[in-house]
All heavy atoms as atom14 arrays in JSON, in Angstrom:
{
  "sequence": "VENFRNTLPLGNEEPMQYITKMALKLYDGLQPLHG",
  "atom14_mask": [
    [1, 1, 1, 1, 1, 1, 1, 0, 0, 0, 0, 0, 0, 0],
    [1, 1, 1, 1, 1, 1, 1, 1, 1, 0, 0, 0, 0, 0],
    [1, 1, 1, 1, 1, 1, 1, 1, 0, 0, 0, 0, 0, 0],
    [1, 1, 1, 1, 1, 1, 1, 1, 1, 1, 1, 0, 0, 0],
    [1, 1, 1, 1, 1, 1, 1, 1, 1, 1, 1, 0, 0, 0],
    [1, 1, 1, 1, 1, 1, 1, 1, 0, 0, 0, 0, 0, 0],
    [1, 1, 1, 1, 1, 1, 1, 0, 0, 0, 0, 0, 0, 0],
    [1, 1, 1, 1, 1, 1, 1, 1, 0, 0, 0, 0, 0, 0],
    [1, 1, 1, 1, 1, 1, 1, 0, 0, 0, 0, 0, 0, 0],
    [1, 1, 1, 1, 1, 1, 1, 1, 0, 0, 0, 0, 0, 0],
    [1, 1, 1, 1, 0, 0, 0, 0, 0, 0, 0, 0, 0, 0],
    [1, 1, 1, 1, 1, 1, 1, 1, 0, 0, 0, 0, 0, 0],
    [1, 1, 1, 1, 1, 1, 1, 1, 1, 0, 0, 0, 0, 0],
    [1, 1, 1, 1, 1, 1, 1, 1, 1, 0, 0, 0, 0, 0],
    [1, 1, 1, 1, 1, 1, 1, 0, 0, 0, 0, 0, 0, 0],
    [1, 1, 1, 1, 1, 1, 1, 1, 0, 0, 0, 0, 0, 0],
    [1, 1, 1, 1, 1, 1, 1, 1, 1, 0, 0, 0, 0, 0],
    [1, 1, 1, 1, 1, 1, 1, 1, 1, 1, 1, 1, 0, 0],
    [1, 1, 1, 1, 1, 1, 1, 1, 0, 0, 0, 0, 0, 0],
    [1, 1, 1, 1, 1, 1, 1, 0, 0, 0, 0, 0, 0, 0],
    [1, 1, 1, 1, 1, 1, 1, 1, 1, 0, 0, 0, 0, 0],
    [1, 1, 1, 1, 1, 1, 1, 1, 0, 0, 0, 0, 0, 0],
    [1, 1, 1, 1, 1, 0, 0, 0, 0, 0, 0, 0, 0, 0],
    [1, 1, 1, 1, 1, 1, 1, 1, 0, 0, 0, 0, 0, 0],
    [1, 1, 1, 1, 1, 1, 1, 1, 1, 0, 0, 0, 0, 0],
    [1, 1, 1, 1, 1, 1, 1, 1, 0, 0, 0, 0, 0, 0],
    [1, 1, 1, 1, 1, 1, 1, 1, 1, 1, 1, 1, 0, 0],
    [1, 1, 1, 1, 1, 1, 1, 1, 0, 0, 0, 0, 0, 0],
    [1, 1, 1, 1, 0, 0, 0, 0, 0, 0, 0, 0, 0, 0],
    [1, 1, 1, 1, 1, 1, 1, 1, 0, 0, 0, 0, 0, 0],
    [1, 1, 1, 1, 1, 1, 1, 1, 1, 0, 0, 0, 0, 0],
    [1, 1, 1, 1, 1, 1, 1, 0, 0, 0, 0, 0, 0, 0],
    [1, 1, 1, 1, 1, 1, 1, 1, 0, 0, 0, 0, 0, 0],
    [1, 1, 1, 1, 1, 1, 1, 1, 1, 1, 0, 0, 0, 0],
    [1, 1, 1, 1, 0, 0, 0, 0, 0, 0, 0, 0, 0, 0]
  ],
  "atom14_positions": [
    [[-10.11, -6.37, 2.73], [-9.71, -4.98, 2.46], [-10.1, -4.6, 1.03], [-10.66, -3.53, 0.79], [-8.2, -4.79, 2.67], [-7.74, -3.42, 2.16], [-7.85, -4.95, 4.14], [0.0, 0.0, 0.0], [0.0, 0.0, 0.0], [0.0, 0.0, 0.0], [0.0, 0.0, 0.0], [0.0, 0.0, 0.0], [0.0, 0.0, 0.0], [0.0, 0.0, 0.0]],
    [[-9.81, -5.48, 0.09], [-10.13, -5.2, -1.31], [-11.64, -5.06, -1.51], [-12.11, -4.15, -2.2], [-9.59, -6.31, -2.2], [-9.86, -6.11, -3.68], [-9.31, -7.23, -4.54], [-8.67, -8.15, -3.99], [-9.53, -7.19, -5.77], [0.0, 0.0, 0.0], [0.0, 0.0, 0.0], [0.0, 0.0, 0.0], [0.0, 0.0, 0.0], [0.0, 0.0, 0.0]],
    [[-12.4, -5.95, -0.88], [-13.86, -5.89, -1.03], [-14.4, -4.59, -0.45], [-15.22, -3.91, -1.08], [-14.52, -7.07, -0.33], [-16.03, -7.03, -0.45], [-16.6, -7.33, -1.49], [-16.7, -6.63, 0.62], [0.0, 0.0, 0.0], [0.0, 0.0, 0.0], [0.0, 0.0, 0.0], [0.0, 0.0, 0.0], [0.0, 0.0, 0.0], [0.0, 0.0, 0.0]],
    [[-13.94, -4.23, 0.76], [-14.43, -2.99, 1.38], [-14.08, -1.78, 0.52], [-14.93, -0.91, 0.29], [-13.84, -2.84, 2.78], [-14.22, -1.55, 3.44], [-15.54, -1.26, 3.75], [-13.25, -0.6, 3.74], [-15.89, -0.06, 4.35], [-13.6, 0.61, 4.34], [-14.93, 0.87, 4.64], [0.0, 0.0, 0.0], [0.0, 0.0, 0.0], [0.0, 0.0, 0.0]],
    [[-12.85, -1.71, 0.06], [-12.45, -0.57, -0.75], [-13.29, -0.46, -2.02], [-13.65, 0.63, -2.45], [-10.96, -0.68, -1.09], [-10.44, 0.57, -1.81], [-8.95, 0.54, -2.06], [-8.59, 1.79, -2.72], [-8.2, 2.9, -2.11], [-8.09, 2.9, -0.8], [-7.92, 3.99, -2.79], [0.0, 0.0, 0.0], [0.0, 0.0, 0.0], [0.0, 0.0, 0.0]],
    [[-13.62, -1.61, -2.6], [-14.38, -1.6, -3.85], [-15.84, -1.2, -3.68], [-16.54, -0.99, -4.66], [-14.29, -2.97, -4.53], [-12.95, -3.21, -5.17], [-12.19, -2.27, -5.43], [-12.62, -4.48, -5.4], [0.0, 0.0, 0.0], [0.0, 0.0, 0.0], [0.0, 0.0, 0.0], [0.0, 0.0, 0.0], [0.0, 0.0, 0.0], [0.0, 0.0, 0.0]],
    [[-16.29, -1.11, -2.43], [-17.65, -0.62, -2.2], [-17.7, 0.9, -2.06], [-18.79, 1.47, -1.95], [-18.26, -1.23, -0.91], [-17.49, -0.8, 0.23], [-18.27, -2.76, -0.98], [0.0, 0.0, 0.0], [0.0, 0.0, 0.0], [0.0, 0.0, 0.0], [0.0, 0.0, 0.0], [0.0, 0.0, 0.0], [0.0, 0.0, 0.0], [0.0, 0.0, 0.0]],
    [[-16.54, 1.56, -2.07], [-16.46, 3.0, -1.8], [-16.27, 3.8, -3.09], [-15.59, 3.34, -4.01], [-15.3, 3.3, -0.83], [-15.33, 2.54, 0.49], [-14.07, 2.86, 1.3], [-16.58, 2.86, 1.29], [0.0, 0.0, 0.0], [0.0, 0.0, 0.0], [0.0, 0.0, 0.0], [0.0, 0.0, 0.0], [0.0, 0.0, 0.0], [0.0, 0.0, 0.0]],
    [[-16.79, 5.02, -3.12], [-16.66, 5.88, -4.31], [-15.35, 6.67, -4.28], [-15.32, 7.88, -4.06], [-17.87, 6.82, -4.18], [-18.07, 6.96, -2.7], [-17.69, 5.63, -2.11], [0.0, 0.0, 0.0], [0.0, 0.0, 0.0], [0.0, 0.0, 0.0], [0.0, 0.0, 0.0], [0.0, 0.0, 0.0], [0.0, 0.0, 0.0], [0.0, 0.0, 0.0]],
    [[-14.22, 5.97, -4.55], [-12.92, 6.6, -4.38], [-12.25, 7.02, -5.69], [-11.34, 7.84, -5.68], [-11.98, 5.65, -3.63], [-12.39, 5.38, -2.17], [-11.55, 4.26, -1.59], [-12.23, 6.64, -1.34], [0.0, 0.0, 0.0], [0.0, 0.0, 0.0], [0.0, 0.0, 0.0], [0.0, 0.0, 0.0], [0.0, 0.0, 0.0], [0.0, 0.0, 0.0]],
    [[-12.65, 6.46, -6.8], [-12.07, 6.89, -8.07], [-10.7, 6.29, -8.32], [-10.47, 5.1, -8.14], [0.0, 0.0, 0.0], [0.0, 0.0, 0.0], [0.0, 0.0, 0.0], [0.0, 0.0, 0.0], [0.0, 0.0, 0.0], [0.0, 0.0, 0.0], [0.0, 0.0, 0.0], [0.0, 0.0, 0.0], [0.0, 0.0, 0.0], [0.0, 0.0, 0.0]],
    [[-9.73, 7.13, -8.71], [-8.41, 6.71, -9.15], [-7.69, 5.88, -8.07], [-7.45, 6.35, -6.96], [-7.57, 7.93, -9.52], [-6.22, 7.56, -10.09], [-5.97, 6.41, -10.43], [-5.35, 8.55, -10.2], [0.0, 0.0, 0.0], [0.0, 0.0, 0.0], [0.0, 0.0, 0.0], [0.0, 0.0, 0.0], [0.0, 0.0, 0.0], [0.0, 0.0, 0.0]],
    [[-7.3, 4.67, -8.43], [-6.63, 3.77, -7.49], [-5.11, 3.87, -7.55], [-4.42, 3.35, -6.67], [-7.04, 2.31, -7.78], [-8.5, 2.01, -7.53], [-8.8, 1.91, -6.06], [-8.48, 0.87, -5.45], [-9.32, 2.89, -5.49], [0.0, 0.0, 0.0], [0.0, 0.0, 0.0], [0.0, 0.0, 0.0], [0.0, 0.0, 0.0], [0.0, 0.0, 0.0]],
    [[-4.56, 4.51, -8.58], [-3.11, 4.49, -8.78], [-2.32, 5.1, -7.62], [-1.28, 4.55, -7.23], [-2.76, 5.17, -10.09], [-3.19, 4.37, -11.31], [-2.79, 5.02, -12.62], [-2.11, 6.07, -12.58], [-3.16, 4.48, -13.68], [0.0, 0.0, 0.0], [0.0, 0.0, 0.0], [0.0, 0.0, 0.0], [0.0, 0.0, 0.0], [0.0, 0.0, 0.0]],
    [[-2.73, 6.26, -7.04], [-1.96, 6.78, -5.9], [-1.89, 5.8, -4.74], [-0.82, 5.63, -4.12], [-2.73, 8.05, -5.52], [-3.4, 8.48, -6.78], [-3.79, 7.21, -7.46], [0.0, 0.0, 0.0], [0.0, 0.0, 0.0], [0.0, 0.0, 0.0], [0.0, 0.0, 0.0], [0.0, 0.0, 0.0], [0.0, 0.0, 0.0], [0.0, 0.0, 0.0]],
    [[-3.02, 5.13, -4.41], [-3.0, 4.15, -3.32], [-2.05, 3.0, -3.64], [-1.27, 2.55, -2.78], [-4.41, 3.61, -3.08], [-4.51, 2.53, -2.01], [-4.14, 0.84, -2.6], [-5.52, 0.55, -3.68], [0.0, 0.0, 0.0], [0.0, 0.0, 0.0], [0.0, 0.0, 0.0], [0.0, 0.0, 0.0], [0.0, 0.0, 0.0], [0.0, 0.0, 0.0]],
    [[-2.09, 2.51, -4.87], [-1.22, 1.39, -5.25], [0.25, 1.78, -5.18], [1.1, 0.99, -4.75], [-1.61, 0.91, -6.64], [-2.99, 0.28, -6.7], [-3.5, 0.06, -8.12], [-2.85, 0.47, -9.08], [-4.65, -0.57, -8.25], [0.0, 0.0, 0.0], [0.0, 0.0, 0.0], [0.0, 0.0, 0.0], [0.0, 0.0, 0.0], [0.0, 0.0, 0.0]],
    [[0.56, 3.0, -5.59], [1.93, 3.49, -5.53], [2.42, 3.6, -4.09], [3.52, 3.15, -3.75], [2.01, 4.85, -6.23], [3.34, 5.54, -6.13], [4.4, 5.19, -6.97], [3.56, 6.55, -5.19], [5.63, 5.83, -6.89], [4.79, 7.19, -5.1], [5.82, 6.83, -5.95], [7.03, 7.47, -5.86], [0.0, 0.0, 0.0], [0.0, 0.0, 0.0]],
    [[1.6, 4.21, -3.24], [1.96, 4.37, -1.82], [2.19, 3.0, -1.19], [3.15, 2.78, -0.45], [0.86, 5.14, -1.06], [0.75, 6.58, -1.55], [1.1, 5.08, 0.45], [1.97, 7.41, -1.31], [0.0, 0.0, 0.0], [0.0, 0.0, 0.0], [0.0, 0.0, 0.0], [0.0, 0.0, 0.0], [0.0, 0.0, 0.0], [0.0, 0.0, 0.0]],
    [[1.29, 2.05, -1.46], [1.42, 0.72, -0.89], [2.7, 0.03, -1.34], [3.45, -0.52, -0.52], [0.21, -0.15, -1.27], [-1.0, 0.5, -0.84], [0.29, -1.52, -0.62], [0.0, 0.0, 0.0], [0.0, 0.0, 0.0], [0.0, 0.0, 0.0], [0.0, 0.0, 0.0], [0.0, 0.0, 0.0], [0.0, 0.0, 0.0], [0.0, 0.0, 0.0]],
    [[2.98, 0.08, -2.64], [4.19, -0.55, -3.17], [5.45, 0.05, -2.55], [6.34, -0.67, -2.1], [4.22, -0.37, -4.69], [5.46, -0.95, -5.36], [5.45, -0.7, -6.86], [5.68, 0.77, -7.17], [5.81, 1.03, -8.64], [0.0, 0.0, 0.0], [0.0, 0.0, 0.0], [0.0, 0.0, 0.0], [0.0, 0.0, 0.0], [0.0, 0.0, 0.0]],
    [[5.53, 1.37, -2.5], [6.72, 2.04, -1.97], [6.88, 1.8, -0.46], [8.0, 1.6, 0.03], [6.66, 3.54, -2.27], [6.93, 3.89, -3.72], [8.61, 3.42, -4.18], [8.79, 4.24, -5.76], [0.0, 0.0, 0.0], [0.0, 0.0, 0.0], [0.0, 0.0, 0.0], [0.0, 0.0, 0.0], [0.0, 0.0, 0.0], [0.0, 0.0, 0.0]],
    [[5.79, 1.85, 0.28], [5.87, 1.65, 1.73], [6.37, 0.25, 2.06], [7.18, 0.06, 2.97], [4.51, 1.9, 2.38], [0.0, 0.0, 0.0], [0.0, 0.0, 0.0], [0.0, 0.0, 0.0], [0.0, 0.0, 0.0], [0.0, 0.0, 0.0], [0.0, 0.0, 0.0], [0.0, 0.0, 0.0], [0.0, 0.0, 0.0], [0.0, 0.0, 0.0]],
    [[5.89, -0.75, 1.32], [6.33, -2.13, 1.58], [7.79, -2.33, 1.16], [8.53, -3.09, 1.81], [5.41, -3.11, 0.86], [3.96, -3.13, 1.38], [3.13, -4.15, 0.6], [3.9, -3.43, 2.87], [0.0, 0.0, 0.0], [0.0, 0.0, 0.0], [0.0, 0.0, 0.0], [0.0, 0.0, 0.0], [0.0, 0.0, 0.0], [0.0, 0.0, 0.0]],
    [[8.21, -1.65, 0.09], [9.63, -1.71, -0.29], [10.51, -1.12, 0.8], [11.57, -1.66, 1.14], [9.85, -0.94, -1.6], [9.58, -1.73, -2.86], [10.07, -0.96, -4.08], [9.94, -1.8, -5.34], [10.48, -1.09, -6.53], [0.0, 0.0, 0.0], [0.0, 0.0, 0.0], [0.0, 0.0, 0.0], [0.0, 0.0, 0.0], [0.0, 0.0, 0.0]],
    [[10.08, 0.0, 1.36], [10.83, 0.63, 2.43], [10.87, -0.26, 3.66], [11.92, -0.46, 4.28], [10.22, 2.0, 2.76], [10.87, 2.81, 3.89], [12.35, 3.02, 3.64], [10.15, 4.15, 4.05], [0.0, 0.0, 0.0], [0.0, 0.0, 0.0], [0.0, 0.0, 0.0], [0.0, 0.0, 0.0], [0.0, 0.0, 0.0], [0.0, 0.0, 0.0]],
    [[9.73, -0.81, 4.02], [9.64, -1.72, 5.17], [10.59, -2.91, 4.98], [11.35, -3.27, 5.88], [8.2, -2.21, 5.33], [7.98, -3.22, 6.43], [7.53, -2.83, 7.68], [8.22, -4.58, 6.22], [7.32, -3.75, 8.69], [8.02, -5.51, 7.22], [7.56, -5.09, 8.46], [7.37, -6.01, 9.47], [0.0, 0.0, 0.0], [0.0, 0.0, 0.0]],
    [[10.52, -3.54, 3.79], [11.34, -4.72, 3.53], [12.82, -4.36, 3.52], [13.66, -5.13, 4.0], [10.95, -5.34, 2.18], [9.56, -5.95, 2.19], [9.04, -6.21, 3.29], [8.98, -6.13, 1.1], [0.0, 0.0, 0.0], [0.0, 0.0, 0.0], [0.0, 0.0, 0.0], [0.0, 0.0, 0.0], [0.0, 0.0, 0.0], [0.0, 0.0, 0.0]],
    [[13.16, -3.19, 2.98], [14.56, -2.77, 2.95], [15.13, -2.56, 4.34], [16.32, -2.79, 4.58], [0.0, 0.0, 0.0], [0.0, 0.0, 0.0], [0.0, 0.0, 0.0], [0.0, 0.0, 0.0], [0.0, 0.0, 0.0], [0.0, 0.0, 0.0], [0.0, 0.0, 0.0], [0.0, 0.0, 0.0], [0.0, 0.0, 0.0], [0.0, 0.0, 0.0]],
    [[14.29, -2.13, 5.27], [14.73, -1.87, 6.64], [14.59, -3.09, 7.55], [14.95, -3.03, 8.74], [13.93, -0.71, 7.24], [14.15, 0.67, 6.59], [13.16, 1.68, 7.17], [15.58, 1.15, 6.8], [0.0, 0.0, 0.0], [0.0, 0.0, 0.0], [0.0, 0.0, 0.0], [0.0, 0.0, 0.0], [0.0, 0.0, 0.0], [0.0, 0.0, 0.0]],
    [[14.08, -4.2, 7.04], [13.82, -5.39, 7.85], [15.03, -5.85, 8.65], [14.89, -6.18, 9.85], [13.31, -6.53, 6.96], [13.08, -7.86, 7.67], [11.93, -7.82, 8.65], [10.88, -7.29, 8.34], [12.11, -8.39, 9.83], [0.0, 0.0, 0.0], [0.0, 0.0, 0.0], [0.0, 0.0, 0.0], [0.0, 0.0, 0.0], [0.0, 0.0, 0.0]],
    [[16.24, -5.88, 8.1], [17.38, -6.34, 8.9], [17.63, -5.47, 10.14], [18.18, -5.95, 11.13], [18.56, -6.24, 7.92], [17.94, -6.34, 6.56], [16.63, -5.62, 6.69], [0.0, 0.0, 0.0], [0.0, 0.0, 0.0], [0.0, 0.0, 0.0], [0.0, 0.0, 0.0], [0.0, 0.0, 0.0], [0.0, 0.0, 0.0], [0.0, 0.0, 0.0]],
    [[17.19, -4.2, 10.07], [17.41, -3.3, 11.2], [16.25, -3.31, 12.19], [16.46, -3.33, 13.41], [17.66, -1.88, 10.7], [19.04, -1.63, 10.08], [19.07, -0.26, 9.42], [20.13, -1.71, 11.15], [0.0, 0.0, 0.0], [0.0, 0.0, 0.0], [0.0, 0.0, 0.0], [0.0, 0.0, 0.0], [0.0, 0.0, 0.0], [0.0, 0.0, 0.0]],
    [[15.01, -3.26, 11.69], [13.89, -3.21, 12.64], [13.48, -4.59, 13.14], [13.0, -4.73, 14.25], [12.7, -2.44, 12.07], [12.08, -2.99, 10.82], [11.54, -4.26, 10.73], [11.88, -2.42, 9.6], [11.04, -4.46, 9.52], [11.25, -3.37, 8.81], [0.0, 0.0, 0.0], [0.0, 0.0, 0.0], [0.0, 0.0, 0.0], [0.0, 0.0, 0.0]],
    [[13.67, -5.63, 12.34], [13.4, -7.0, 12.79], [11.97, -7.28, 13.19], [11.7, -8.14, 14.03], [0.0, 0.0, 0.0], [0.0, 0.0, 0.0], [0.0, 0.0, 0.0], [0.0, 0.0, 0.0], [0.0, 0.0, 0.0], [0.0, 0.0, 0.0], [0.0, 0.0, 0.0], [0.0, 0.0, 0.0], [0.0, 0.0, 0.0], [0.0, 0.0, 0.0]]
  ]
}
């Protein structure tokens, strides 16, 4: 995934990194319920 993304002309990576971090935090926080 990292290699593919780095071949693309996408520019600023910070929004993607923020979305990824927050989504995984939400997923992990809900883990006891969704299993």
